[in-house]
Amino acid sequence: PEPTPSPTTAEVTEPVQKYVWCAKPGGCNSSNESSCMAGPGECYEDNGYGALKSGYTPIELYVPANATPNCRDRGQYGTERELTCNFHSTGFGRTRVNLRPPAGSTMGFYREDTGLGFEASFIRHWSWRLSQRYVFLRVRASNFQQARNIVYANFNNSGNDEILPVRFEMRSA
């Protein structure tokens, strides 16, 4: 006799918490640069776990076509090196995130196409000035060259005519 197939169960997916900030309805301009951004709890339904609310524009992370993230040095903080890296378009205002992963978790930036990326130990700002594309972040590195190499290892998009989509994730250990 043939074995009886076991019943299948639908995969249960937990809601995913959002961490990247959004521009408020009406967008950002020079007169509201310091107040035009909203945290995930405001711009996504269900306190940052649901769909994007109408009128809000999330920061979309990517590396520009034919470019590197153009990381710049911001200094050493103990065992962490702070960088500013081009990971989004212009037009977003100030965010004061100061995000660290909860105990037992990691967070990082990952390529959408391969899943490869790097862990970040701290996010200071998702954006700061309307005219800039920088995310302010830290990685565990003892100097600027080492920190930049960690980022560029998987995010050098030179020679590619398409933008490289990037996602931010918080992962449980």
N, C-alpha and C. Protein backbone atom coordinates (compact mmCIF):
# COMPACT_ATOMS: atom_id res chain seq x y z
N PRO A 1 0.83 -1.20 0.00
CA PRO A 1 0.00 0.00 0.00
C PRO A 1 0.87 1.25 0.00
N GLU A 2 0.36 2.27 -0.64
CA GLU A 2 1.06 3.57 -0.67
C GLU A 2 0.86 4.31 0.63
N PRO A 3 1.92 5.04 1.05
CA PRO A 3 1.74 5.82 2.30
C PRO A 3 0.71 6.93 2.12
N THR A 4 0.01 7.19 3.17
CA THR A 4 -0.97 8.28 3.12
C THR A 4 -0.24 9.61 3.28
N PRO A 5 -0.53 10.54 2.40
CA PRO A 5 0.14 11.84 2.54
C PRO A 5 -0.27 12.51 3.85
N SER A 6 0.70 13.10 4.48
CA SER A 6 0.38 13.82 5.71
C SER A 6 -0.22 15.17 5.37
N PRO A 7 -1.11 15.65 6.20
CA PRO A 7 -1.73 16.95 5.91
C PRO A 7 -0.67 18.06 5.92
N THR A 8 -0.82 19.01 5.05
CA THR A 8 0.11 20.15 5.01
C THR A 8 -0.47 21.27 5.84
N THR A 9 0.40 22.03 6.40
CA THR A 9 -0.04 23.19 7.17
C THR A 9 0.49 24.44 6.49
N ALA A 10 -0.31 25.47 6.50
CA ALA A 10 0.12 26.74 5.92
C ALA A 10 1.23 27.32 6.80
N GLU A 11 2.21 27.88 6.16
CA GLU A 11 3.31 28.50 6.90
C GLU A 11 2.81 29.74 7.62
N VAL A 12 3.11 29.81 8.88
CA VAL A 12 2.72 30.98 9.68
C VAL A 12 3.88 31.96 9.65
N THR A 13 3.60 33.15 9.19
CA THR A 13 4.65 34.16 9.17
C THR A 13 4.34 35.22 10.21
N GLU A 14 5.33 35.52 11.00
CA GLU A 14 5.19 36.56 12.02
C GLU A 14 5.30 37.93 11.34
N PRO A 15 4.61 38.92 11.87
CA PRO A 15 4.79 40.27 11.31
C PRO A 15 6.25 40.71 11.47
N VAL A 16 6.73 41.42 10.49
CA VAL A 16 8.12 41.87 10.49
C VAL A 16 8.17 43.32 10.95
N GLN A 17 8.99 43.58 11.96
CA GLN A 17 9.13 44.95 12.46
C GLN A 17 9.96 45.76 11.49
N LYS A 18 9.52 46.98 11.22
CA LYS A 18 10.25 47.89 10.34
C LYS A 18 11.17 48.75 11.19
N TYR A 19 12.32 49.11 10.63
CA TYR A 19 13.28 49.94 11.36
C TYR A 19 13.65 51.21 10.61
N VAL A 20 13.48 51.21 9.29
CA VAL A 20 13.87 52.35 8.48
C VAL A 20 12.77 53.42 8.55
N TRP A 21 13.18 54.67 8.70
CA TRP A 21 12.26 55.78 8.87
C TRP A 21 11.63 56.21 7.54
N CYS A 22 10.64 57.10 7.64
CA CYS A 22 9.90 57.59 6.47
C CYS A 22 9.79 59.11 6.52
N ALA A 23 9.62 59.71 5.33
CA ALA A 23 9.27 61.12 5.26
C ALA A 23 7.76 61.22 5.52
N LYS A 24 7.37 62.23 6.30
CA LYS A 24 5.96 62.43 6.60
C LYS A 24 5.22 62.92 5.37
N PRO A 25 3.88 62.82 5.36
CA PRO A 25 3.11 63.36 4.24
C PRO A 25 3.50 64.82 3.98
N GLY A 26 3.65 65.16 2.74
CA GLY A 26 4.09 66.51 2.37
C GLY A 26 5.58 66.56 2.08
N GLY A 27 6.31 65.55 2.54
CA GLY A 27 7.73 65.46 2.22
C GLY A 27 8.61 66.41 3.02
N CYS A 28 9.86 66.45 2.62
CA CYS A 28 10.86 67.26 3.31
C CYS A 28 11.32 68.41 2.43
N ASN A 29 11.59 69.55 3.06
CA ASN A 29 12.17 70.70 2.36
C ASN A 29 13.05 71.45 3.34
N SER A 30 13.69 72.50 2.89
CA SER A 30 14.67 73.20 3.73
C SER A 30 14.04 73.81 4.99
N SER A 31 12.75 74.11 4.96
CA SER A 31 12.13 74.72 6.15
C SER A 31 11.71 73.70 7.20
N ASN A 32 11.59 72.41 6.82
CA ASN A 32 11.16 71.41 7.79
C ASN A 32 12.13 70.23 7.91
N GLU A 33 13.36 70.42 7.46
CA GLU A 33 14.35 69.34 7.40
C GLU A 33 14.51 68.61 8.73
N SER A 34 14.41 69.33 9.85
CA SER A 34 14.63 68.69 11.14
C SER A 34 13.36 68.09 11.74
N SER A 35 12.20 68.24 11.08
CA SER A 35 10.96 67.71 11.65
C SER A 35 10.10 66.93 10.65
N CYS A 36 10.62 66.66 9.47
CA CYS A 36 9.79 66.04 8.43
C CYS A 36 9.83 64.51 8.42
N MET A 37 10.63 63.91 9.29
CA MET A 37 10.78 62.46 9.29
C MET A 37 9.98 61.81 10.41
N ALA A 38 9.56 60.56 10.16
CA ALA A 38 8.78 59.82 11.14
C ALA A 38 9.42 58.46 11.38
N GLY A 39 9.39 58.04 12.63
CA GLY A 39 9.88 56.71 12.97
C GLY A 39 8.92 55.64 12.49
N PRO A 40 9.36 54.39 12.45
CA PRO A 40 8.52 53.30 11.96
C PRO A 40 7.19 53.16 12.69
N GLY A 41 7.17 53.45 13.99
CA GLY A 41 5.93 53.34 14.74
C GLY A 41 4.86 54.31 14.26
N GLU A 42 5.28 55.40 13.63
CA GLU A 42 4.33 56.38 13.10
C GLU A 42 3.97 56.11 11.64
N CYS A 43 4.94 55.69 10.83
CA CYS A 43 4.66 55.62 9.39
C CYS A 43 4.18 54.26 8.90
N TYR A 44 4.21 53.24 9.76
CA TYR A 44 3.67 51.93 9.39
C TYR A 44 2.52 51.58 10.32
N GLU A 45 1.53 50.87 9.79
CA GLU A 45 0.41 50.40 10.59
C GLU A 45 0.93 49.49 11.71
N ASP A 46 0.09 49.24 12.68
CA ASP A 46 0.40 48.30 13.77
C ASP A 46 1.72 48.61 14.46
N ASN A 47 1.94 49.89 14.75
CA ASN A 47 3.13 50.33 15.50
C ASN A 47 4.44 49.85 14.90
N GLY A 48 4.54 49.92 13.58
CA GLY A 48 5.80 49.59 12.92
C GLY A 48 5.89 48.17 12.41
N TYR A 49 4.81 47.41 12.48
CA TYR A 49 4.83 46.02 12.01
C TYR A 49 4.00 45.81 10.74
N GLY A 50 3.17 46.76 10.38
CA GLY A 50 2.24 46.55 9.28
C GLY A 50 2.62 47.27 8.00
N ALA A 51 1.60 47.51 7.19
CA ALA A 51 1.78 48.16 5.90
C ALA A 51 2.08 49.65 6.08
N LEU A 52 2.71 50.21 5.07
CA LEU A 52 3.01 51.64 5.06
C LEU A 52 1.71 52.44 5.05
N LYS A 53 1.65 53.47 5.90
CA LYS A 53 0.48 54.33 5.94
C LYS A 53 0.48 55.26 4.73
N SER A 54 -0.69 55.65 4.31
CA SER A 54 -0.86 56.53 3.16
C SER A 54 -0.15 57.86 3.37
N GLY A 55 0.57 58.32 2.34
CA GLY A 55 1.24 59.62 2.38
C GLY A 55 2.67 59.58 2.87
N TYR A 56 3.08 58.51 3.51
CA TYR A 56 4.45 58.39 4.02
C TYR A 56 5.36 57.80 2.96
N THR A 57 6.61 58.24 2.92
CA THR A 57 7.58 57.75 1.94
C THR A 57 8.77 57.16 2.68
N PRO A 58 8.94 55.82 2.62
CA PRO A 58 10.05 55.21 3.34
C PRO A 58 11.38 55.47 2.63
N ILE A 59 12.45 55.51 3.40
CA ILE A 59 13.78 55.57 2.83
C ILE A 59 14.04 54.20 2.20
N GLU A 60 14.31 54.19 0.91
CA GLU A 60 14.64 52.94 0.23
C GLU A 60 16.15 52.83 0.15
N LEU A 61 16.67 51.74 0.67
CA LEU A 61 18.11 51.55 0.72
C LEU A 61 18.62 50.92 -0.57
N TYR A 62 19.72 51.45 -1.09
CA TYR A 62 20.35 50.92 -2.29
C TYR A 62 21.74 51.53 -2.46
N VAL A 63 22.53 50.91 -3.34
CA VAL A 63 23.81 51.48 -3.77
C VAL A 63 23.57 51.98 -5.19
N PRO A 64 23.95 53.21 -5.50
CA PRO A 64 23.72 53.74 -6.85
C PRO A 64 24.40 52.88 -7.94
N ALA A 65 23.89 52.98 -9.15
CA ALA A 65 24.49 52.29 -10.29
C ALA A 65 25.91 52.79 -10.52
N ASN A 66 26.79 51.89 -10.94
CA ASN A 66 28.18 52.24 -11.26
C ASN A 66 28.88 52.99 -10.13
N ALA A 67 28.65 52.56 -8.90
CA ALA A 67 29.23 53.28 -7.75
C ALA A 67 29.51 52.34 -6.59
N THR A 68 30.26 52.87 -5.65
CA THR A 68 30.42 52.22 -4.35
C THR A 68 29.54 53.00 -3.39
N PRO A 69 29.39 52.55 -2.15
CA PRO A 69 28.64 53.34 -1.17
C PRO A 69 29.36 54.63 -0.76
N ASN A 70 30.58 54.84 -1.25
CA ASN A 70 31.34 56.06 -0.97
C ASN A 70 31.37 56.37 0.52
N CYS A 71 31.78 55.39 1.31
CA CYS A 71 31.82 55.55 2.77
C CYS A 71 32.91 56.54 3.18
N ARG A 72 32.57 57.35 4.17
CA ARG A 72 33.50 58.32 4.73
C ARG A 72 33.68 58.03 6.22
N ASP A 73 34.83 58.40 6.72
CA ASP A 73 35.19 58.11 8.10
C ASP A 73 34.58 59.12 9.06
N ARG A 74 34.05 58.62 10.19
CA ARG A 74 33.51 59.49 11.24
C ARG A 74 34.21 59.27 12.58
N GLY A 75 35.19 58.35 12.62
CA GLY A 75 35.96 58.19 13.84
C GLY A 75 35.74 56.86 14.54
N GLN A 76 36.60 56.63 15.51
CA GLN A 76 36.59 55.38 16.27
C GLN A 76 35.83 55.56 17.58
N TYR A 77 35.00 54.58 17.93
CA TYR A 77 34.25 54.56 19.17
C TYR A 77 34.51 53.21 19.82
N GLY A 78 35.54 53.11 20.63
CA GLY A 78 35.92 51.83 21.22
C GLY A 78 36.33 50.85 20.13
N THR A 79 35.63 49.74 20.03
CA THR A 79 35.94 48.73 19.01
C THR A 79 35.14 48.94 17.73
N GLU A 80 34.39 50.03 17.65
CA GLU A 80 33.54 50.30 16.49
C GLU A 80 34.04 51.51 15.70
N ARG A 81 33.95 51.40 14.38
CA ARG A 81 34.31 52.52 13.49
C ARG A 81 33.03 53.06 12.89
N GLU A 82 32.84 54.39 13.01
CA GLU A 82 31.63 54.99 12.45
C GLU A 82 31.91 55.49 11.04
N LEU A 83 30.97 55.21 10.15
CA LEU A 83 31.05 55.60 8.74
C LEU A 83 29.77 56.31 8.34
N THR A 84 29.86 57.10 7.29
CA THR A 84 28.67 57.55 6.57
C THR A 84 28.79 56.93 5.19
N CYS A 85 27.74 56.25 4.74
CA CYS A 85 27.77 55.57 3.45
C CYS A 85 26.53 55.93 2.64
N ASN A 86 26.71 56.14 1.33
CA ASN A 86 25.59 56.44 0.43
C ASN A 86 24.73 55.20 0.25
N PHE A 87 23.57 55.20 0.90
CA PHE A 87 22.67 54.05 0.82
C PHE A 87 21.23 54.44 0.49
N HIS A 88 20.97 55.69 0.08
CA HIS A 88 19.60 56.07 -0.28
C HIS A 88 19.61 57.34 -1.13
N SER A 89 18.45 57.74 -1.62
CA SER A 89 18.35 58.94 -2.44
C SER A 89 18.32 60.18 -1.55
N THR A 90 18.44 61.34 -2.17
CA THR A 90 18.35 62.60 -1.44
C THR A 90 16.87 62.89 -1.15
N GLY A 91 16.64 63.95 -0.39
CA GLY A 91 15.27 64.39 -0.13
C GLY A 91 14.71 63.96 1.20
N PHE A 92 15.55 63.36 2.06
CA PHE A 92 15.08 62.97 3.38
C PHE A 92 15.75 63.85 4.43
N GLY A 93 15.02 64.12 5.52
CA GLY A 93 15.53 65.00 6.57
C GLY A 93 16.20 64.24 7.70
N ARG A 94 16.33 64.93 8.83
CA ARG A 94 17.07 64.40 9.98
C ARG A 94 16.33 63.29 10.70
N THR A 95 17.09 62.26 11.05
CA THR A 95 16.59 61.21 11.93
C THR A 95 17.60 61.03 13.04
N ARG A 96 17.11 60.81 14.21
CA ARG A 96 17.98 60.52 15.37
C ARG A 96 17.59 59.14 15.86
N VAL A 97 18.21 58.14 15.30
CA VAL A 97 17.80 56.76 15.52
C VAL A 97 18.49 56.16 16.75
N ASN A 98 19.84 56.20 16.76
CA ASN A 98 20.62 55.60 17.84
C ASN A 98 20.17 54.17 18.13
N LEU A 99 20.20 53.33 17.09
CA LEU A 99 19.69 51.96 17.14
C LEU A 99 20.82 50.97 17.33
N ARG A 100 20.65 50.10 18.32
CA ARG A 100 21.54 48.96 18.54
C ARG A 100 20.66 47.71 18.55
N PRO A 101 21.22 46.58 18.15
CA PRO A 101 20.40 45.36 18.20
C PRO A 101 20.15 44.95 19.66
N PRO A 102 18.98 44.39 19.94
CA PRO A 102 18.73 43.89 21.30
C PRO A 102 19.71 42.77 21.64
N ALA A 103 19.91 42.52 22.92
CA ALA A 103 20.81 41.44 23.36
C ALA A 103 20.44 40.14 22.65
N GLY A 104 21.45 39.45 22.16
CA GLY A 104 21.23 38.19 21.48
C GLY A 104 20.81 38.32 20.03
N SER A 105 20.82 39.53 19.49
CA SER A 105 20.43 39.76 18.10
C SER A 105 21.55 40.46 17.35
N THR A 106 21.44 40.47 16.04
CA THR A 106 22.35 41.23 15.18
C THR A 106 21.50 42.05 14.22
N MET A 107 22.11 43.04 13.63
CA MET A 107 21.42 43.82 12.59
C MET A 107 22.43 44.08 11.49
N GLY A 108 21.92 44.31 10.29
CA GLY A 108 22.85 44.55 9.22
C GLY A 108 22.17 44.93 7.92
N PHE A 109 23.02 45.16 6.92
CA PHE A 109 22.61 45.55 5.58
C PHE A 109 22.93 44.38 4.65
N TYR A 110 21.95 44.01 3.81
CA TYR A 110 22.10 42.82 2.97
C TYR A 110 21.63 43.12 1.56
N ARG A 111 22.35 42.55 0.60
CA ARG A 111 21.96 42.69 -0.81
C ARG A 111 20.65 41.94 -1.04
N GLU A 112 19.75 42.56 -1.81
CA GLU A 112 18.49 41.89 -2.14
C GLU A 112 18.72 40.71 -3.07
N ASP A 113 19.73 40.78 -3.93
CA ASP A 113 19.90 39.72 -4.94
C ASP A 113 20.61 38.48 -4.41
N THR A 114 21.54 38.62 -3.49
CA THR A 114 22.31 37.47 -3.02
C THR A 114 22.15 37.20 -1.53
N GLY A 115 21.67 38.18 -0.78
CA GLY A 115 21.57 38.03 0.67
C GLY A 115 22.87 38.29 1.40
N LEU A 116 23.97 38.54 0.66
CA LEU A 116 25.25 38.82 1.29
C LEU A 116 25.26 40.25 1.83
N GLY A 117 26.02 40.46 2.90
CA GLY A 117 26.07 41.80 3.47
C GLY A 117 27.00 41.88 4.65
N PHE A 118 26.70 42.78 5.57
CA PHE A 118 27.54 42.97 6.74
C PHE A 118 26.68 43.34 7.94
N GLU A 119 27.21 43.06 9.12
CA GLU A 119 26.54 43.44 10.35
C GLU A 119 26.97 44.85 10.74
N ALA A 120 26.00 45.61 11.17
CA ALA A 120 26.26 46.94 11.73
C ALA A 120 26.03 46.84 13.24
N SER A 121 26.86 47.52 14.00
CA SER A 121 26.71 47.46 15.45
C SER A 121 25.87 48.62 15.99
N PHE A 122 25.64 49.66 15.14
CA PHE A 122 24.94 50.86 15.61
C PHE A 122 24.50 51.65 14.39
N ILE A 123 23.30 52.21 14.43
CA ILE A 123 22.82 53.16 13.42
C ILE A 123 22.57 54.47 14.14
N ARG A 124 23.31 55.51 13.76
CA ARG A 124 23.11 56.83 14.38
C ARG A 124 21.97 57.58 13.67
N HIS A 125 22.03 57.65 12.35
CA HIS A 125 21.00 58.36 11.57
C HIS A 125 20.73 57.58 10.28
N TRP A 126 19.45 57.49 9.90
CA TRP A 126 19.14 56.96 8.56
C TRP A 126 19.41 58.05 7.53
N SER A 127 19.23 59.29 7.91
CA SER A 127 19.53 60.43 7.03
C SER A 127 19.77 61.65 7.92
N TRP A 128 20.40 62.68 7.33
CA TRP A 128 20.66 63.88 8.12
C TRP A 128 20.34 65.16 7.36
N ARG A 129 20.73 65.28 6.12
CA ARG A 129 20.47 66.49 5.32
C ARG A 129 19.75 66.11 4.03
N LEU A 130 18.90 67.02 3.56
CA LEU A 130 18.14 66.79 2.34
C LEU A 130 19.02 66.46 1.14
N SER A 131 20.17 67.10 1.07
CA SER A 131 21.04 66.96 -0.10
C SER A 131 21.97 65.75 -0.01
N GLN A 132 21.94 65.02 1.09
CA GLN A 132 22.86 63.90 1.26
C GLN A 132 22.15 62.56 1.13
N ARG A 133 22.94 61.51 0.87
CA ARG A 133 22.44 60.15 0.71
C ARG A 133 22.95 59.24 1.82
N TYR A 134 23.52 59.82 2.86
CA TYR A 134 24.25 59.03 3.85
C TYR A 134 23.40 58.40 4.93
N VAL A 135 23.75 57.15 5.26
CA VAL A 135 23.33 56.49 6.49
C VAL A 135 24.55 56.52 7.39
N PHE A 136 24.38 56.89 8.65
CA PHE A 136 25.46 56.95 9.63
C PHE A 136 25.42 55.64 10.42
N LEU A 137 26.49 54.84 10.31
CA LEU A 137 26.47 53.51 10.91
C LEU A 137 27.83 53.16 11.49
N ARG A 138 27.86 52.13 12.31
CA ARG A 138 29.13 51.62 12.86
C ARG A 138 29.26 50.14 12.56
N VAL A 139 30.51 49.73 12.36
CA VAL A 139 30.86 48.32 12.23
C VAL A 139 32.01 48.04 13.19
N ARG A 140 32.17 46.79 13.52
CA ARG A 140 33.29 46.42 14.41
C ARG A 140 34.56 46.35 13.57
N ALA A 141 35.41 47.35 13.74
CA ALA A 141 36.66 47.45 12.98
C ALA A 141 37.61 48.36 13.75
N SER A 142 38.90 48.13 13.55
CA SER A 142 39.89 48.90 14.30
C SER A 142 40.38 50.15 13.56
N ASN A 143 40.02 50.29 12.27
CA ASN A 143 40.43 51.49 11.52
C ASN A 143 39.49 51.70 10.34
N PHE A 144 39.63 52.84 9.69
CA PHE A 144 38.75 53.20 8.59
C PHE A 144 38.87 52.23 7.42
N GLN A 145 40.07 51.88 7.02
CA GLN A 145 40.26 50.99 5.88
C GLN A 145 39.56 49.64 6.12
N GLN A 146 39.72 49.10 7.28
CA GLN A 146 39.08 47.81 7.61
C GLN A 146 37.56 47.95 7.58
N ALA A 147 37.04 49.04 8.15
CA ALA A 147 35.60 49.28 8.17
C ALA A 147 35.05 49.43 6.75
N ARG A 148 35.73 50.21 5.94
CA ARG A 148 35.27 50.40 4.55
C ARG A 148 35.32 49.09 3.78
N ASN A 149 36.36 48.29 4.00
CA ASN A 149 36.45 46.99 3.31
C ASN A 149 35.30 46.07 3.69
N ILE A 150 34.85 46.14 4.95
CA ILE A 150 33.70 45.33 5.38
C ILE A 150 32.47 45.69 4.56
N VAL A 151 32.24 46.98 4.36
CA VAL A 151 31.08 47.43 3.59
C VAL A 151 31.26 47.13 2.11
N TYR A 152 32.42 47.46 1.55
CA TYR A 152 32.63 47.32 0.11
C TYR A 152 32.73 45.87 -0.34
N ALA A 153 33.01 44.93 0.57
CA ALA A 153 33.16 43.53 0.19
C ALA A 153 31.96 43.02 -0.60
N ASN A 154 30.77 43.47 -0.25
CA ASN A 154 29.56 43.01 -0.95
C ASN A 154 28.75 44.13 -1.59
N PHE A 155 29.18 45.38 -1.42
CA PHE A 155 28.38 46.49 -1.91
C PHE A 155 29.09 47.38 -2.91
N ASN A 156 30.15 46.90 -3.55
CA ASN A 156 30.78 47.64 -4.62
C ASN A 156 29.95 47.40 -5.88
N ASN A 157 29.25 48.40 -6.32
CA ASN A 157 28.35 48.27 -7.48
C ASN A 157 28.96 48.88 -8.74
N SER A 158 30.28 49.09 -8.73
CA SER A 158 30.97 49.62 -9.91
C SER A 158 30.80 48.65 -11.07
N GLY A 159 30.60 49.19 -12.27
CA GLY A 159 30.45 48.36 -13.45
C GLY A 159 29.06 47.77 -13.63
N ASN A 160 28.13 48.15 -12.79
CA ASN A 160 26.75 47.66 -12.90
C ASN A 160 25.85 48.85 -13.21
N ASP A 161 25.13 48.78 -14.33
CA ASP A 161 24.27 49.89 -14.75
C ASP A 161 22.95 49.98 -13.97
N GLU A 162 22.70 49.03 -13.09
CA GLU A 162 21.48 49.02 -12.30
C GLU A 162 21.81 49.37 -10.85
N ILE A 163 20.85 49.99 -10.16
CA ILE A 163 21.05 50.21 -8.73
C ILE A 163 21.07 48.84 -8.03
N LEU A 164 21.70 48.78 -6.88
CA LEU A 164 21.77 47.54 -6.10
C LEU A 164 20.86 47.70 -4.88
N PRO A 165 19.68 47.07 -4.91
CA PRO A 165 18.76 47.19 -3.77
C PRO A 165 19.36 46.54 -2.52
N VAL A 166 19.15 47.19 -1.39
CA VAL A 166 19.69 46.76 -0.11
C VAL A 166 18.54 46.69 0.89
N ARG A 167 18.59 45.72 1.79
CA ARG A 167 17.60 45.65 2.86
C ARG A 167 18.31 45.68 4.20
N PHE A 168 17.61 46.21 5.19
CA PHE A 168 18.11 46.23 6.56
C PHE A 168 17.35 45.19 7.33
N GLU A 169 18.05 44.39 8.14
CA GLU A 169 17.42 43.35 8.93
C GLU A 169 17.94 43.33 10.35
N MET A 170 17.05 42.99 11.26
CA MET A 170 17.41 42.66 12.63
C MET A 170 17.21 41.15 12.72
N ARG A 171 18.22 40.42 13.17
CA ARG A 171 18.15 38.97 13.22
C ARG A 171 18.34 38.47 14.64
N SER A 172 17.53 37.51 15.02
CA SER A 172 17.69 36.86 16.33
C SER A 172 18.86 35.89 16.25
N ALA A 173 19.60 35.79 17.36
CA ALA A 173 20.75 34.87 17.36
C ALA A 173 20.29 33.44 17.55
